[in-house]
Amino acid sequence: MALQTTEVAISEEAYLRGEPGSEIKHEYIDGHVYAMGGAGKQHNRLTATLGGEFRNHLKGKPCDAYQADFRVKVGAKYFYPDVVVECDSEYGNEDYTETPIMLVEVTSDSTEKFDRTYKLEVYKTIPSLREYVIVAQNRARVDVYKRDGLQWGLTTYRLGDTILFESIGLTLTVEEIYDRVDNEDMREYLRK
């Protein structure tokens, strides 16, 4: 989780006024503002690969993919997922969406627990959300939570597996997602 930057709760309106001019991105949770840390090469490679693959696949379709600087609003909470896919971008707010169909978080040591627990539970309350994807950067592992009616199922993918992102009809291999990522799993895979 990010570093809390407000001791005293602030209003949603104050957060929304201050965020556009800020040099640092902040998430807003229950009246508190949390500064987001910077991302390293591996994180950026994973985000760029997924965002690029999604955008290319969605070209000419009513959906679009956004990376890093586009917020998701859930009630009075605002988050910056690493990749957001939404299908009604013409009608939404320019700075955030309330109707994503897929969210992707690339984990780091400091965010993994928060992404897999708190964010998972909050994101599952978004009526439009069909898939929540958690991508580990220190190993080749992709967890895909998919909504099936009122239930959510989890499938974990590793090297050698193929993932169907059902919400957008795109298939990628785990190897494609981790292309040029340097972690122990990929080093071992490339030695074979």
C-alpha atoms as a PDB file:
ATOM      1  CA  MET A   1       0.000   0.000   0.000  1.00  0.00           C
ATOM      2  CA  ALA A   2       1.095   3.568  -0.600  1.00  0.00           C
ATOM      3  CA  LEU A   3       2.219   6.019   2.075  1.00  0.00           C
ATOM      4  CA  GLN A   4      -0.615   7.856   3.837  1.00  0.00           C
ATOM      5  CA  THR A   5      -0.163  11.591   3.335  1.00  0.00           C
ATOM      6  CA  THR A   6      -3.068  13.029   5.338  1.00  0.00           C
ATOM      7  CA  GLU A   7      -3.454  12.553   9.086  1.00  0.00           C
ATOM      8  CA  VAL A   8      -6.834  14.281   9.132  1.00  0.00           C
ATOM      9  CA  ALA A   9      -9.589  13.134   6.804  1.00  0.00           C
ATOM     10  CA  ILE A  10     -10.337  15.402   3.858  1.00  0.00           C
ATOM     11  CA  SER A  11     -13.454  15.645   1.740  1.00  0.00           C
ATOM     12  CA  GLU A  12     -13.817  13.954  -1.618  1.00  0.00           C
ATOM     13  CA  GLU A  13     -14.229  17.411  -3.154  1.00  0.00           C
ATOM     14  CA  ALA A  14     -10.902  18.585  -1.671  1.00  0.00           C
ATOM     15  CA  TYR A  15      -9.181  15.480  -3.055  1.00  0.00           C
ATOM     16  CA  LEU A  16     -10.670  16.030  -6.518  1.00  0.00           C
ATOM     17  CA  ARG A  17      -9.608  19.701  -6.502  1.00  0.00           C
ATOM     18  CA  GLY A  18      -6.037  18.939  -5.446  1.00  0.00           C
ATOM     19  CA  GLU A  19      -5.250  15.847  -7.513  1.00  0.00           C
ATOM     20  CA  PRO A  20      -5.088  17.360 -11.045  1.00  0.00           C
ATOM     21  CA  GLY A  21      -2.307  19.791 -10.088  1.00  0.00           C
ATOM     22  CA  SER A  22      -0.297  17.303  -8.061  1.00  0.00           C
ATOM     23  CA  GLU A  23       3.038  15.995  -9.333  1.00  0.00           C
ATOM     24  CA  ILE A  24       2.446  12.781  -7.362  1.00  0.00           C
ATOM     25  CA  LYS A  25      -0.576  10.528  -7.861  1.00  0.00           C
ATOM     26  CA  HIS A  26      -2.720   9.868  -4.797  1.00  0.00           C
ATOM     27  CA  GLU A  27      -5.374   7.298  -4.059  1.00  0.00           C
ATOM     28  CA  TYR A  28      -8.296   8.370  -1.882  1.00  0.00           C
ATOM     29  CA  ILE A  29      -9.718   5.901   0.641  1.00  0.00           C
ATOM     30  CA  ASP A  30     -12.218   6.708   3.376  1.00  0.00           C
ATOM     31  CA  GLY A  31     -11.241  10.373   3.555  1.00  0.00           C
ATOM     32  CA  HIS A  32      -7.485   9.767   3.562  1.00  0.00           C
ATOM     33  CA  VAL A  33      -5.024  10.436   0.759  1.00  0.00           C
ATOM     34  CA  TYR A  34      -2.230   7.975  -0.039  1.00  0.00           C
ATOM     35  CA  ALA A  35       0.762   8.921  -2.198  1.00  0.00           C
ATOM     36  CA  MET A  36       1.579   6.411  -4.909  1.00  0.00           C
ATOM     37  CA  GLY A  37       5.177   5.318  -5.278  1.00  0.00           C
ATOM     38  CA  GLY A  38       7.066   5.252  -8.545  1.00  0.00           C
ATOM     39  CA  ALA A  39       7.377   2.083 -10.610  1.00  0.00           C
ATOM     40  CA  GLY A  40      10.545   0.364 -11.810  1.00  0.00           C
ATOM     41  CA  LYS A  41      11.469  -1.192 -15.150  1.00  0.00           C
ATOM     42  CA  GLN A  42       9.851  -4.591 -14.578  1.00  0.00           C
ATOM     43  CA  HIS A  43       6.581  -3.023 -13.452  1.00  0.00           C
ATOM     44  CA  ASN A  44       6.568  -0.668 -16.437  1.00  0.00           C
ATOM     45  CA  ARG A  45       7.350  -3.478 -18.888  1.00  0.00           C
ATOM     46  CA  LEU A  46       4.423  -5.531 -17.619  1.00  0.00           C
ATOM     47  CA  THR A  47       2.042  -2.577 -17.644  1.00  0.00           C
ATOM     48  CA  ALA A  48       3.153  -1.440 -21.111  1.00  0.00           C
ATOM     49  CA  THR A  49       2.876  -4.948 -22.542  1.00  0.00           C
ATOM     50  CA  LEU A  50      -0.630  -5.544 -21.227  1.00  0.00           C
ATOM     51  CA  GLY A  51      -1.863  -2.030 -21.990  1.00  0.00           C
ATOM     52  CA  GLY A  52      -0.406  -2.197 -25.506  1.00  0.00           C
ATOM     53  CA  GLU A  53      -1.825  -5.650 -26.242  1.00  0.00           C
ATOM     54  CA  PHE A  54      -5.239  -4.602 -24.958  1.00  0.00           C
ATOM     55  CA  ARG A  55      -5.253  -1.323 -26.930  1.00  0.00           C
ATOM     56  CA  ASN A  56      -4.188  -3.029 -30.164  1.00  0.00           C
ATOM     57  CA  HIS A  57      -6.859  -5.680 -29.734  1.00  0.00           C
ATOM     58  CA  LEU A  58      -9.550  -3.089 -28.970  1.00  0.00           C
ATOM     59  CA  LYS A  59      -8.767  -0.847 -31.951  1.00  0.00           C
ATOM     60  CA  GLY A  60     -12.009  -0.077 -33.777  1.00  0.00           C
ATOM     61  CA  LYS A  61     -14.120  -1.444 -30.916  1.00  0.00           C
ATOM     62  CA  PRO A  62     -16.165   0.531 -28.373  1.00  0.00           C
ATOM     63  CA  CYS A  63     -13.781  -0.338 -25.518  1.00  0.00           C
ATOM     64  CA  ASP A  64     -10.404   1.183 -24.661  1.00  0.00           C
ATOM     65  CA  ALA A  65      -7.476   0.484 -22.335  1.00  0.00           C
ATOM     66  CA  TYR A  66      -5.766   3.086 -20.157  1.00  0.00           C
ATOM     67  CA  GLN A  67      -2.505   2.804 -18.265  1.00  0.00           C
ATOM     68  CA  ALA A  68      -1.373   4.165 -14.902  1.00  0.00           C
ATOM     69  CA  ASP A  69      -2.823   7.691 -14.829  1.00  0.00           C
ATOM     70  CA  PHE A  70      -6.532   6.903 -15.116  1.00  0.00           C
ATOM     71  CA  ARG A  71      -8.517   6.448 -11.913  1.00  0.00           C
ATOM     72  CA  VAL A  72     -11.349   4.155 -10.973  1.00  0.00           C
ATOM     73  CA  LYS A  73     -14.023   5.492  -8.649  1.00  0.00           C
ATOM     74  CA  VAL A  74     -15.705   2.991  -6.337  1.00  0.00           C
ATOM     75  CA  GLY A  75     -18.211   4.781  -4.119  1.00  0.00           C
ATOM     76  CA  ALA A  76     -16.153   7.531  -2.461  1.00  0.00           C
ATOM     77  CA  LYS A  77     -12.835   5.757  -3.106  1.00  0.00           C
ATOM     78  CA  TYR A  78     -10.431   6.489  -5.969  1.00  0.00           C
ATOM     79  CA  PHE A  79      -7.714   4.112  -7.150  1.00  0.00           C
ATOM     80  CA  TYR A  80      -5.085   4.141  -9.911  1.00  0.00           C
ATOM     81  CA  PRO A  81      -4.998   0.593 -11.310  1.00  0.00           C
ATOM     82  CA  ASP A  82      -2.085  -0.155 -13.626  1.00  0.00           C
ATOM     83  CA  VAL A  83      -4.405  -0.910 -16.559  1.00  0.00           C
ATOM     84  CA  VAL A  84      -8.105  -0.072 -16.873  1.00  0.00           C
ATOM     85  CA  VAL A  85     -10.421  -1.325 -19.627  1.00  0.00           C
ATOM     86  CA  GLU A  86     -13.785   0.379 -20.049  1.00  0.00           C
ATOM     87  CA  CYS A  87     -16.398   0.265 -22.771  1.00  0.00           C
ATOM     88  CA  ASP A  88     -18.397   3.453 -22.309  1.00  0.00           C
ATOM     89  CA  SER A  89     -15.602   6.025 -22.406  1.00  0.00           C
ATOM     90  CA  GLU A  90     -17.645   8.496 -24.460  1.00  0.00           C
ATOM     91  CA  TYR A  91     -20.063   8.999 -21.587  1.00  0.00           C
ATOM     92  CA  GLY A  92     -17.827   9.006 -18.540  1.00  0.00           C
ATOM     93  CA  ASN A  93     -15.670  11.479 -16.709  1.00  0.00           C
ATOM     94  CA  GLU A  94     -12.374  12.471 -18.341  1.00  0.00           C
ATOM     95  CA  ASP A  95     -10.338  11.725 -15.190  1.00  0.00           C
ATOM     96  CA  TYR A  96     -11.895   8.495 -13.922  1.00  0.00           C
ATOM     97  CA  THR A  97     -14.361   5.734 -14.659  1.00  0.00           C
ATOM     98  CA  GLU A  98     -16.997   4.061 -12.537  1.00  0.00           C
ATOM     99  CA  THR A  99     -17.696   1.331 -15.105  1.00  0.00           C
ATOM    100  CA  PRO A 100     -14.521  -0.640 -15.873  1.00  0.00           C
ATOM    101  CA  ILE A 101     -14.894  -4.152 -17.275  1.00  0.00           C
ATOM    102  CA  MET A 102     -11.317  -5.185 -16.436  1.00  0.00           C
ATOM    103  CA  LEU A 103      -8.721  -3.914 -13.963  1.00  0.00           C
ATOM    104  CA  VAL A 104      -5.061  -4.942 -13.794  1.00  0.00           C
ATOM    105  CA  GLU A 105      -2.719  -4.456 -10.860  1.00  0.00           C
ATOM    106  CA  VAL A 106       0.990  -5.274 -11.183  1.00  0.00           C
ATOM    107  CA  THR A 107       2.186  -6.103  -7.696  1.00  0.00           C
ATOM    108  CA  SER A 108       5.305  -5.027  -5.893  1.00  0.00           C
ATOM    109  CA  ASP A 109       6.542  -6.209  -2.507  1.00  0.00           C
ATOM    110  CA  SER A 110       4.905  -3.175  -0.886  1.00  0.00           C
ATOM    111  CA  THR A 111       1.518  -3.454  -2.675  1.00  0.00           C
ATOM    112  CA  GLU A 112       0.936  -7.178  -3.148  1.00  0.00           C
ATOM    113  CA  LYS A 113      -1.013  -7.827   0.061  1.00  0.00           C
ATOM    114  CA  PHE A 114      -3.162  -4.707  -0.422  1.00  0.00           C
ATOM    115  CA  ASP A 115      -3.857  -5.587  -4.094  1.00  0.00           C
ATOM    116  CA  ARG A 116      -4.805  -9.174  -3.196  1.00  0.00           C
ATOM    117  CA  THR A 117      -7.010  -8.344  -0.204  1.00  0.00           C
ATOM    118  CA  TYR A 118      -8.448  -4.850   0.181  1.00  0.00           C
ATOM    119  CA  LYS A 119      -8.516  -3.855  -3.494  1.00  0.00           C
ATOM    120  CA  LEU A 120      -9.879  -7.261  -4.491  1.00  0.00           C
ATOM    121  CA  GLU A 121     -12.838  -6.878  -2.132  1.00  0.00           C
ATOM    122  CA  VAL A 122     -13.506  -3.265  -3.166  1.00  0.00           C
ATOM    123  CA  TYR A 123     -13.167  -3.975  -6.890  1.00  0.00           C
ATOM    124  CA  LYS A 124     -15.554  -6.941  -6.648  1.00  0.00           C
ATOM    125  CA  THR A 125     -18.311  -4.468  -5.688  1.00  0.00           C
ATOM    126  CA  ILE A 126     -18.109  -2.711  -9.094  1.00  0.00           C
ATOM    127  CA  PRO A 127     -21.189  -3.943 -11.011  1.00  0.00           C
ATOM    128  CA  SER A 128     -19.575  -3.618 -14.462  1.00  0.00           C
ATOM    129  CA  LEU A 129     -16.311  -5.378 -13.550  1.00  0.00           C
ATOM    130  CA  ARG A 130     -15.903  -8.782 -15.194  1.00  0.00           C
ATOM    131  CA  GLU A 131     -12.195  -9.472 -14.577  1.00  0.00           C
ATOM    132  CA  TYR A 132      -9.598  -8.411 -12.021  1.00  0.00           C
ATOM    133  CA  VAL A 133      -6.069  -9.394 -13.018  1.00  0.00           C
ATOM    134  CA  ILE A 134      -3.157  -9.464 -10.568  1.00  0.00           C
ATOM    135  CA  VAL A 135       0.268  -9.737 -12.206  1.00  0.00           C
ATOM    136  CA  ALA A 136       3.301 -10.540 -10.056  1.00  0.00           C
ATOM    137  CA  GLN A 137       6.519  -8.872 -11.123  1.00  0.00           C
ATOM    138  CA  ASN A 138       8.984 -10.902  -9.042  1.00  0.00           C
ATOM    139  CA  ARG A 139       7.764 -14.228 -10.483  1.00  0.00           C
ATOM    140  CA  ALA A 140       5.825 -15.307 -13.582  1.00  0.00           C
ATOM    141  CA  ARG A 141       2.334 -15.616 -12.136  1.00  0.00           C
ATOM    142  CA  VAL A 142      -0.948 -14.092 -13.268  1.00  0.00           C
ATOM    143  CA  ASP A 143      -4.094 -14.441 -11.150  1.00  0.00           C
ATOM    144  CA  VAL A 144      -7.357 -13.769 -12.964  1.00  0.00           C
ATOM    145  CA  TYR A 145     -10.522 -13.270 -10.939  1.00  0.00           C
ATOM    146  CA  LYS A 146     -13.594 -13.639 -13.177  1.00  0.00           C
ATOM    147  CA  ARG A 147     -17.178 -12.822 -12.350  1.00  0.00           C
ATOM    148  CA  ASP A 148     -19.689 -15.552 -13.140  1.00  0.00           C
ATOM    149  CA  GLY A 149     -23.073 -14.163 -12.203  1.00  0.00           C
ATOM    150  CA  LEU A 150     -22.813 -13.262  -8.518  1.00  0.00           C
ATOM    151  CA  GLN A 151     -19.761 -15.452  -7.889  1.00  0.00           C
ATOM    152  CA  TRP A 152     -16.069 -14.816  -8.504  1.00  0.00           C
ATOM    153  CA  GLY A 153     -13.667 -17.536  -9.549  1.00  0.00           C
ATOM    154  CA  LEU A 154      -9.868 -17.475  -9.474  1.00  0.00           C
ATOM    155  CA  THR A 155      -7.532 -19.069 -11.997  1.00  0.00           C
ATOM    156  CA  THR A 156      -3.761 -18.855 -11.587  1.00  0.00           C
ATOM    157  CA  TYR A 157      -1.565 -18.952 -14.699  1.00  0.00           C
ATOM    158  CA  ARG A 158       2.156 -19.647 -14.970  1.00  0.00           C
ATOM    159  CA  LEU A 159       4.721 -20.054 -17.743  1.00  0.00           C
ATOM    160  CA  GLY A 160       3.389 -22.422 -20.412  1.00  0.00           C
ATOM    161  CA  ASP A 161      -0.223 -21.337 -19.827  1.00  0.00           C
ATOM    162  CA  THR A 162      -2.518 -19.372 -22.125  1.00  0.00           C
ATOM    163  CA  ILE A 163      -4.952 -16.814 -20.713  1.00  0.00           C
ATOM    164  CA  LEU A 164      -8.279 -15.879 -22.282  1.00  0.00           C
ATOM    165  CA  PHE A 165      -9.271 -12.400 -21.154  1.00  0.00           C
ATOM    166  CA  GLU A 166     -12.966 -13.079 -21.668  1.00  0.00           C
ATOM    167  CA  SER A 167     -14.153  -9.515 -21.105  1.00  0.00           C
ATOM    168  CA  ILE A 168     -12.389  -8.394 -24.300  1.00  0.00           C
ATOM    169  CA  GLY A 169     -11.968 -11.694 -26.159  1.00  0.00           C
ATOM    170  CA  LEU A 170      -8.147 -11.640 -26.186  1.00  0.00           C
ATOM    171  CA  THR A 171      -5.825 -14.592 -25.658  1.00  0.00           C
ATOM    172  CA  LEU A 172      -2.218 -14.128 -24.482  1.00  0.00           C
ATOM    173  CA  THR A 173       0.396 -16.547 -23.241  1.00  0.00           C
ATOM    174  CA  VAL A 174       2.117 -15.918 -19.937  1.00  0.00           C
ATOM    175  CA  GLU A 175       5.376 -15.759 -21.917  1.00  0.00           C
ATOM    176  CA  GLU A 176       3.986 -12.883 -24.009  1.00  0.00           C
ATOM    177  CA  ILE A 177       3.012 -10.978 -20.875  1.00  0.00           C
ATOM    178  CA  TYR A 178       6.452 -11.446 -19.301  1.00  0.00           C
ATOM    179  CA  ASP A 179       8.437 -10.672 -22.464  1.00  0.00           C
ATOM    180  CA  ARG A 180      11.686  -8.882 -21.459  1.00  0.00           C
ATOM    181  CA  VAL A 181      10.834  -9.055 -17.746  1.00  0.00           C
ATOM    182  CA  ASP A 182      13.778 -10.049 -15.565  1.00  0.00           C
ATOM    183  CA  ASN A 183      12.794 -12.320 -12.689  1.00  0.00           C
ATOM    184  CA  GLU A 184      13.939 -15.765 -11.559  1.00  0.00           C
ATOM    185  CA  ASP A 185      11.098 -17.594 -13.354  1.00  0.00           C
ATOM    186  CA  MET A 186      11.913 -15.910 -16.670  1.00  0.00           C
ATOM    187  CA  ARG A 187      15.669 -16.444 -16.304  1.00  0.00           C
ATOM    188  CA  GLU A 188      15.050 -20.154 -15.706  1.00  0.00           C
ATOM    189  CA  TYR A 189      12.582 -20.336 -18.609  1.00  0.00           C
ATOM    190  CA  LEU A 190      15.045 -18.672 -21.010  1.00  0.00           C
ATOM    191  CA  ARG A 191      17.858 -21.063 -19.985  1.00  0.00           C
ATOM    192  CA  LYS A 192      15.819 -24.055 -21.208  1.00  0.00           C
END
